């Protein structure tokens, strides 16, 4: 059963310079507080605030890996579409060696793409834990 708490019906208004506000907002973004009011209340009432520390280089790496994963997915779709179009072309016009070479290259490329995709997903999951 939920405990009844006193409603928060009192407001405090404060004025800050732009630089002061940026500093406060920057500190707020590095905490686990979900709302700015929660952060301010914790600071003013001298309650503990949990700060997150993240490695900026790993954040940049994750951004790059996410973009690479999107590009790989798009590449896979485009390659499959071209392979499907190839099936509708009159096969007598294409040398048999080219068709078999294309198919083996396709399988190898898709296998590499799958491995890269799995690695990116695993790295992302480890980082987000």
N, C-alpha and C. Protein backbone atom coordinates (compact mmCIF):
# COMPACT_ATOMS: atom_id res chain seq x y z
N UNK A 1 0.83 -1.17 0.00
CA UNK A 1 0.00 0.00 0.00
C UNK A 1 0.88 1.25 0.00
N UNK A 2 0.51 2.24 -0.74
CA UNK A 2 1.31 3.45 -0.84
C UNK A 2 1.17 4.32 0.40
N UNK A 3 2.30 4.88 0.78
CA UNK A 3 2.27 5.83 1.89
C UNK A 3 1.80 7.18 1.37
N UNK A 4 1.04 7.87 2.18
CA UNK A 4 0.61 9.20 1.79
C UNK A 4 1.73 10.18 2.10
N UNK A 5 2.04 11.01 1.13
CA UNK A 5 3.07 12.02 1.33
C UNK A 5 2.43 13.39 1.22
N UNK A 6 3.08 14.33 1.83
CA UNK A 6 2.59 15.70 1.72
C UNK A 6 2.77 16.17 0.28
N UNK A 7 1.74 16.82 -0.26
CA UNK A 7 1.89 17.31 -1.63
C UNK A 7 2.91 18.44 -1.69
N UNK A 8 3.59 18.52 -2.78
CA UNK A 8 4.55 19.60 -2.98
C UNK A 8 3.79 20.78 -3.56
N UNK A 9 3.39 21.68 -2.69
CA UNK A 9 2.59 22.82 -3.15
C UNK A 9 3.28 24.16 -2.92
N UNK A 10 4.54 24.14 -2.56
CA UNK A 10 5.31 25.37 -2.39
C UNK A 10 6.34 25.45 -3.51
N UNK A 11 6.49 26.60 -4.10
CA UNK A 11 7.43 26.79 -5.20
C UNK A 11 8.50 27.80 -4.81
N UNK A 12 9.69 27.58 -5.31
CA UNK A 12 10.80 28.49 -5.08
C UNK A 12 11.29 28.93 -6.46
N UNK A 13 11.43 30.22 -6.64
CA UNK A 13 11.90 30.76 -7.91
C UNK A 13 13.28 31.36 -7.69
N UNK A 14 14.19 31.06 -8.58
CA UNK A 14 15.55 31.58 -8.48
C UNK A 14 15.97 32.10 -9.84
N UNK A 15 16.85 33.07 -9.82
CA UNK A 15 17.38 33.63 -11.07
C UNK A 15 18.86 33.32 -11.14
N UNK A 16 19.31 32.95 -12.35
CA UNK A 16 20.71 32.62 -12.58
C UNK A 16 21.18 33.35 -13.82
N UNK A 17 22.48 33.58 -13.88
CA UNK A 17 23.05 34.08 -15.13
C UNK A 17 23.05 32.90 -16.11
N UNK A 18 23.25 33.21 -17.36
CA UNK A 18 23.28 32.16 -18.37
C UNK A 18 24.38 31.16 -18.06
N UNK A 19 25.55 31.66 -17.67
CA UNK A 19 26.68 30.77 -17.37
C UNK A 19 26.39 29.90 -16.15
N UNK A 20 25.78 30.46 -15.11
CA UNK A 20 25.43 29.69 -13.92
C UNK A 20 24.43 28.58 -14.28
N UNK A 21 23.44 28.94 -15.08
CA UNK A 21 22.43 27.96 -15.47
C UNK A 21 23.04 26.83 -16.29
N UNK A 22 23.95 27.16 -17.22
CA UNK A 22 24.61 26.13 -18.02
C UNK A 22 25.39 25.17 -17.12
N UNK A 23 26.08 25.70 -16.11
CA UNK A 23 26.84 24.87 -15.20
C UNK A 23 25.92 23.94 -14.41
N UNK A 24 24.83 24.48 -13.90
CA UNK A 24 23.87 23.66 -13.14
C UNK A 24 23.26 22.59 -14.03
N UNK A 25 22.88 22.98 -15.24
CA UNK A 25 22.27 22.03 -16.17
C UNK A 25 23.26 20.94 -16.57
N UNK A 26 24.53 21.31 -16.76
CA UNK A 26 25.56 20.32 -17.10
C UNK A 26 25.72 19.31 -15.96
N UNK A 27 25.74 19.79 -14.73
CA UNK A 27 25.86 18.89 -13.59
C UNK A 27 24.62 18.00 -13.47
N UNK A 28 23.45 18.56 -13.73
CA UNK A 28 22.21 17.77 -13.68
C UNK A 28 22.24 16.63 -14.68
N UNK A 29 22.73 16.90 -15.89
CA UNK A 29 22.75 15.87 -16.94
C UNK A 29 23.69 14.72 -16.60
N UNK A 30 24.61 14.93 -15.68
CA UNK A 30 25.54 13.88 -15.29
C UNK A 30 25.05 13.10 -14.07
N UNK A 31 23.78 13.26 -13.71
CA UNK A 31 23.24 12.56 -12.56
C UNK A 31 22.22 11.52 -13.01
N UNK A 32 21.75 10.75 -12.04
CA UNK A 32 20.69 9.78 -12.32
C UNK A 32 19.30 10.37 -12.12
N UNK A 33 19.23 11.64 -11.72
CA UNK A 33 17.93 12.30 -11.52
C UNK A 33 17.21 12.42 -12.85
N UNK A 34 15.93 12.10 -12.82
CA UNK A 34 15.14 12.15 -14.05
C UNK A 34 14.61 13.55 -14.34
N UNK A 35 14.41 14.32 -13.32
CA UNK A 35 13.84 15.66 -13.50
C UNK A 35 14.74 16.70 -12.85
N UNK A 36 14.76 17.87 -13.46
CA UNK A 36 15.57 18.97 -12.95
C UNK A 36 15.13 19.35 -11.55
N UNK A 37 13.83 19.32 -11.29
CA UNK A 37 13.32 19.66 -9.96
C UNK A 37 13.80 18.67 -8.91
N UNK A 38 13.87 17.39 -9.28
CA UNK A 38 14.37 16.38 -8.35
C UNK A 38 15.83 16.66 -8.00
N UNK A 39 16.62 17.01 -9.01
CA UNK A 39 18.03 17.33 -8.79
C UNK A 39 18.16 18.55 -7.87
N UNK A 40 17.43 19.61 -8.18
CA UNK A 40 17.50 20.82 -7.36
C UNK A 40 17.06 20.57 -5.93
N UNK A 41 15.99 19.81 -5.75
CA UNK A 41 15.50 19.49 -4.42
C UNK A 41 16.56 18.72 -3.63
N UNK A 42 17.19 17.73 -4.27
CA UNK A 42 18.23 16.95 -3.60
C UNK A 42 19.42 17.81 -3.19
N UNK A 43 19.83 18.70 -4.06
CA UNK A 43 20.97 19.58 -3.73
C UNK A 43 20.60 20.53 -2.60
N UNK A 44 19.45 21.18 -2.69
CA UNK A 44 19.05 22.15 -1.66
C UNK A 44 18.82 21.49 -0.30
N UNK A 45 18.31 20.28 -0.29
CA UNK A 45 18.05 19.58 0.98
C UNK A 45 19.24 18.72 1.42
N UNK A 46 20.35 18.87 0.72
CA UNK A 46 21.59 18.15 1.03
C UNK A 46 21.39 16.64 1.08
N UNK A 47 20.60 16.16 0.15
CA UNK A 47 20.41 14.72 0.02
C UNK A 47 21.41 14.19 -1.01
N UNK A 48 21.75 12.90 -0.92
CA UNK A 48 22.75 12.37 -1.85
C UNK A 48 22.26 12.39 -3.30
N UNK A 49 23.19 12.70 -4.19
CA UNK A 49 22.92 12.70 -5.62
C UNK A 49 23.94 11.78 -6.27
N UNK A 50 23.47 10.85 -7.09
CA UNK A 50 24.36 9.90 -7.76
C UNK A 50 24.75 10.48 -9.12
N UNK A 51 26.06 10.57 -9.34
CA UNK A 51 26.57 11.10 -10.59
C UNK A 51 27.06 9.97 -11.47
N UNK A 52 26.78 10.09 -12.76
CA UNK A 52 27.28 9.13 -13.74
C UNK A 52 28.60 9.64 -14.28
N UNK A 53 29.53 8.73 -14.46
CA UNK A 53 30.76 9.09 -15.14
C UNK A 53 30.88 8.20 -16.35
N UNK A 54 30.94 8.82 -17.51
CA UNK A 54 31.03 8.05 -18.74
C UNK A 54 32.28 8.45 -19.48
N UNK A 55 32.80 7.51 -20.19
CA UNK A 55 33.99 7.72 -20.97
C UNK A 55 33.56 8.30 -22.32
N UNK A 56 33.98 9.53 -22.60
CA UNK A 56 33.55 10.20 -23.83
C UNK A 56 34.04 9.47 -25.07
N UNK A 57 35.23 8.90 -25.02
CA UNK A 57 35.74 8.20 -26.19
C UNK A 57 34.90 6.95 -26.48
N UNK A 58 34.43 6.27 -25.43
CA UNK A 58 33.56 5.11 -25.65
C UNK A 58 32.19 5.54 -26.16
N UNK A 59 31.70 6.69 -25.70
CA UNK A 59 30.44 7.20 -26.23
C UNK A 59 30.57 7.49 -27.72
N UNK A 60 31.70 8.09 -28.11
CA UNK A 60 31.94 8.36 -29.53
C UNK A 60 32.02 7.05 -30.32
N UNK A 61 32.69 6.05 -29.73
CA UNK A 61 32.79 4.75 -30.38
C UNK A 61 31.41 4.14 -30.60
N UNK A 62 30.56 4.22 -29.58
CA UNK A 62 29.21 3.67 -29.71
C UNK A 62 28.43 4.38 -30.82
N UNK A 63 28.57 5.69 -30.91
CA UNK A 63 27.90 6.45 -31.97
C UNK A 63 28.34 5.96 -33.34
N UNK A 64 29.64 5.79 -33.49
CA UNK A 64 30.18 5.31 -34.76
C UNK A 64 29.71 3.88 -35.07
N UNK A 65 29.71 3.02 -34.05
CA UNK A 65 29.29 1.64 -34.26
C UNK A 65 27.82 1.55 -34.65
N UNK A 66 27.00 2.37 -34.03
CA UNK A 66 25.57 2.38 -34.37
C UNK A 66 25.38 2.81 -35.82
N UNK A 67 26.11 3.84 -36.24
CA UNK A 67 26.01 4.31 -37.63
C UNK A 67 26.51 3.24 -38.59
N UNK A 68 27.59 2.57 -38.24
CA UNK A 68 28.13 1.50 -39.08
C UNK A 68 27.14 0.35 -39.20
N UNK A 69 26.47 0.01 -38.12
CA UNK A 69 25.48 -1.07 -38.15
C UNK A 69 24.33 -0.71 -39.08
N UNK A 70 23.88 0.55 -39.03
CA UNK A 70 22.80 0.98 -39.94
C UNK A 70 23.24 0.86 -41.39
N UNK A 71 24.46 1.32 -41.67
CA UNK A 71 24.97 1.26 -43.04
C UNK A 71 25.11 -0.18 -43.52
N UNK A 72 25.57 -1.07 -42.65
CA UNK A 72 25.69 -2.48 -43.03
C UNK A 72 24.34 -3.10 -43.32
N UNK A 73 23.35 -2.74 -42.52
CA UNK A 73 22.00 -3.26 -42.76
C UNK A 73 21.47 -2.79 -44.10
N UNK A 74 21.69 -1.51 -44.42
CA UNK A 74 21.25 -0.97 -45.71
C UNK A 74 21.98 -1.66 -46.87
N UNK A 75 23.27 -1.88 -46.69
CA UNK A 75 24.06 -2.55 -47.72
C UNK A 75 23.54 -3.96 -47.98
N UNK A 76 23.23 -4.66 -46.94
CA UNK A 76 22.71 -6.02 -47.08
C UNK A 76 21.40 -6.02 -47.86
N UNK A 77 20.52 -5.09 -47.54
CA UNK A 77 19.23 -5.00 -48.23
C UNK A 77 19.45 -4.70 -49.71
N UNK A 78 20.32 -3.72 -50.00
CA UNK A 78 20.56 -3.37 -51.41
C UNK A 78 21.19 -4.53 -52.18
N UNK A 79 22.10 -5.25 -51.55
CA UNK A 79 22.74 -6.37 -52.23
C UNK A 79 21.74 -7.48 -52.51
N UNK A 80 20.88 -7.75 -51.55
CA UNK A 80 19.85 -8.77 -51.77
C UNK A 80 18.90 -8.35 -52.89
N UNK A 81 18.56 -7.06 -52.94
CA UNK A 81 17.68 -6.59 -54.00
C UNK A 81 18.34 -6.76 -55.38
N UNK A 82 19.63 -6.46 -55.45
CA UNK A 82 20.31 -6.62 -56.74
C UNK A 82 20.40 -8.09 -57.13
N UNK A 83 20.59 -8.97 -56.15
CA UNK A 83 20.63 -10.41 -56.44
C UNK A 83 19.27 -10.89 -56.94
N UNK A 84 18.19 -10.37 -56.37
CA UNK A 84 16.86 -10.76 -56.83
C UNK A 84 16.62 -10.27 -58.26
N UNK A 85 17.08 -9.07 -58.58
CA UNK A 85 16.93 -8.55 -59.94
C UNK A 85 17.74 -9.39 -60.92
N UNK A 86 18.90 -9.85 -60.46
CA UNK A 86 19.76 -10.67 -61.30
C UNK A 86 19.06 -11.97 -61.69
N UNK A 87 18.22 -12.48 -60.82
CA UNK A 87 17.52 -13.73 -61.11
C UNK A 87 16.54 -13.59 -62.28
N UNK A 88 16.04 -12.36 -62.50
CA UNK A 88 15.08 -12.15 -63.57
C UNK A 88 15.73 -11.88 -64.92
N UNK A 89 17.04 -11.64 -64.92
CA UNK A 89 17.75 -11.39 -66.18
C UNK A 89 17.93 -12.73 -66.89
N UNK A 90 17.89 -12.68 -68.19
CA UNK A 90 18.09 -13.89 -68.99
C UNK A 90 19.49 -14.43 -68.71
N UNK A 91 19.56 -15.60 -68.13
CA UNK A 91 20.84 -16.19 -67.71
C UNK A 91 21.74 -16.56 -68.89
N UNK A 92 21.17 -16.71 -70.07
CA UNK A 92 22.01 -17.09 -71.21
C UNK A 92 22.92 -15.94 -71.63
N UNK A 93 22.54 -14.73 -71.26
CA UNK A 93 23.37 -13.57 -71.62
C UNK A 93 24.59 -13.44 -70.71
N UNK A 94 24.58 -14.11 -69.55
CA UNK A 94 25.68 -13.99 -68.60
C UNK A 94 26.54 -15.24 -68.62
N UNK A 95 27.85 -15.07 -68.60
CA UNK A 95 28.72 -16.26 -68.52
C UNK A 95 28.48 -16.99 -67.20
N UNK A 96 28.53 -18.31 -67.26
CA UNK A 96 28.29 -19.14 -66.09
C UNK A 96 29.29 -18.84 -64.97
N UNK A 97 30.54 -18.58 -65.35
CA UNK A 97 31.56 -18.28 -64.33
C UNK A 97 31.21 -17.03 -63.54
N UNK A 98 30.69 -16.01 -64.24
CA UNK A 98 30.35 -14.76 -63.55
C UNK A 98 29.23 -15.00 -62.55
N UNK A 99 28.23 -15.76 -62.94
CA UNK A 99 27.10 -16.03 -62.05
C UNK A 99 27.56 -16.79 -60.82
N UNK A 100 28.36 -17.84 -61.01
CA UNK A 100 28.81 -18.62 -59.85
C UNK A 100 29.78 -17.80 -58.99
N UNK A 101 30.62 -17.00 -59.62
CA UNK A 101 31.53 -16.13 -58.86
C UNK A 101 30.76 -15.09 -58.06
N UNK A 102 29.74 -14.53 -58.70
CA UNK A 102 28.91 -13.54 -58.01
C UNK A 102 28.23 -14.15 -56.79
N UNK A 103 27.74 -15.35 -56.95
CA UNK A 103 27.03 -16.02 -55.85
C UNK A 103 27.99 -16.34 -54.70
N UNK A 104 29.18 -16.79 -55.00
CA UNK A 104 30.13 -17.10 -53.92
C UNK A 104 30.60 -15.81 -53.23
N UNK A 105 30.81 -14.75 -54.02
CA UNK A 105 31.17 -13.45 -53.42
C UNK A 105 30.04 -12.93 -52.52
N UNK A 106 28.84 -13.11 -52.99
CA UNK A 106 27.67 -12.66 -52.23
C UNK A 106 27.61 -13.37 -50.88
N UNK A 107 27.78 -14.69 -50.91
CA UNK A 107 27.72 -15.46 -49.66
C UNK A 107 28.83 -15.04 -48.71
N UNK A 108 30.03 -14.84 -49.23
CA UNK A 108 31.15 -14.43 -48.39
C UNK A 108 30.91 -13.05 -47.79
N UNK A 109 30.42 -12.11 -48.62
CA UNK A 109 30.17 -10.76 -48.13
C UNK A 109 29.08 -10.76 -47.06
N UNK A 110 28.02 -11.50 -47.29
CA UNK A 110 26.94 -11.55 -46.32
C UNK A 110 27.39 -12.20 -45.01
N UNK A 111 28.27 -13.18 -45.10
CA UNK A 111 28.81 -13.81 -43.91
C UNK A 111 29.65 -12.81 -43.11
N UNK A 112 30.49 -12.05 -43.81
CA UNK A 112 31.29 -11.02 -43.12
C UNK A 112 30.40 -9.95 -42.50
N UNK A 113 29.41 -9.54 -43.22
CA UNK A 113 28.49 -8.52 -42.70
C UNK A 113 27.78 -9.04 -41.46
N UNK A 114 27.36 -10.29 -41.48
CA UNK A 114 26.69 -10.88 -40.33
C UNK A 114 27.62 -10.88 -39.11
N UNK A 115 28.89 -11.27 -39.32
CA UNK A 115 29.86 -11.29 -38.22
C UNK A 115 30.08 -9.89 -37.65
N UNK A 116 30.22 -8.91 -38.52
CA UNK A 116 30.41 -7.53 -38.06
C UNK A 116 29.19 -7.05 -37.30
N UNK A 117 28.02 -7.36 -37.82
CA UNK A 117 26.77 -6.95 -37.17
C UNK A 117 26.67 -7.57 -35.78
N UNK A 118 27.00 -8.85 -35.65
CA UNK A 118 26.96 -9.52 -34.35
C UNK A 118 27.95 -8.89 -33.38
N UNK A 119 29.16 -8.57 -33.87
CA UNK A 119 30.18 -7.96 -33.01
C UNK A 119 29.72 -6.59 -32.51
N UNK A 120 29.16 -5.81 -33.41
CA UNK A 120 28.67 -4.48 -33.01
C UNK A 120 27.57 -4.61 -31.98
N UNK A 121 26.66 -5.54 -32.19
CA UNK A 121 25.56 -5.74 -31.24
C UNK A 121 26.09 -6.19 -29.87
N UNK A 122 27.03 -7.11 -29.87
CA UNK A 122 27.61 -7.59 -28.60
C UNK A 122 28.34 -6.47 -27.88
N UNK A 123 29.13 -5.68 -28.62
CA UNK A 123 29.86 -4.57 -28.01
C UNK A 123 28.89 -3.55 -27.44
N UNK A 124 27.84 -3.27 -28.17
CA UNK A 124 26.83 -2.34 -27.68
C UNK A 124 26.15 -2.82 -26.41
N UNK A 125 25.82 -4.11 -26.38
CA UNK A 125 25.17 -4.66 -25.18
C UNK A 125 26.09 -4.60 -23.97
N UNK A 126 27.38 -4.93 -24.18
CA UNK A 126 28.34 -4.86 -23.07
C UNK A 126 28.47 -3.43 -22.55
N UNK A 127 28.52 -2.48 -23.47
CA UNK A 127 28.70 -1.08 -23.07
C UNK A 127 27.49 -0.56 -22.33
N UNK A 128 26.31 -0.95 -22.74
CA UNK A 128 25.09 -0.41 -22.14
C UNK A 128 24.73 -1.05 -20.80
N UNK A 129 25.45 -2.08 -20.39
CA UNK A 129 25.14 -2.72 -19.11
C UNK A 129 25.64 -1.89 -17.96
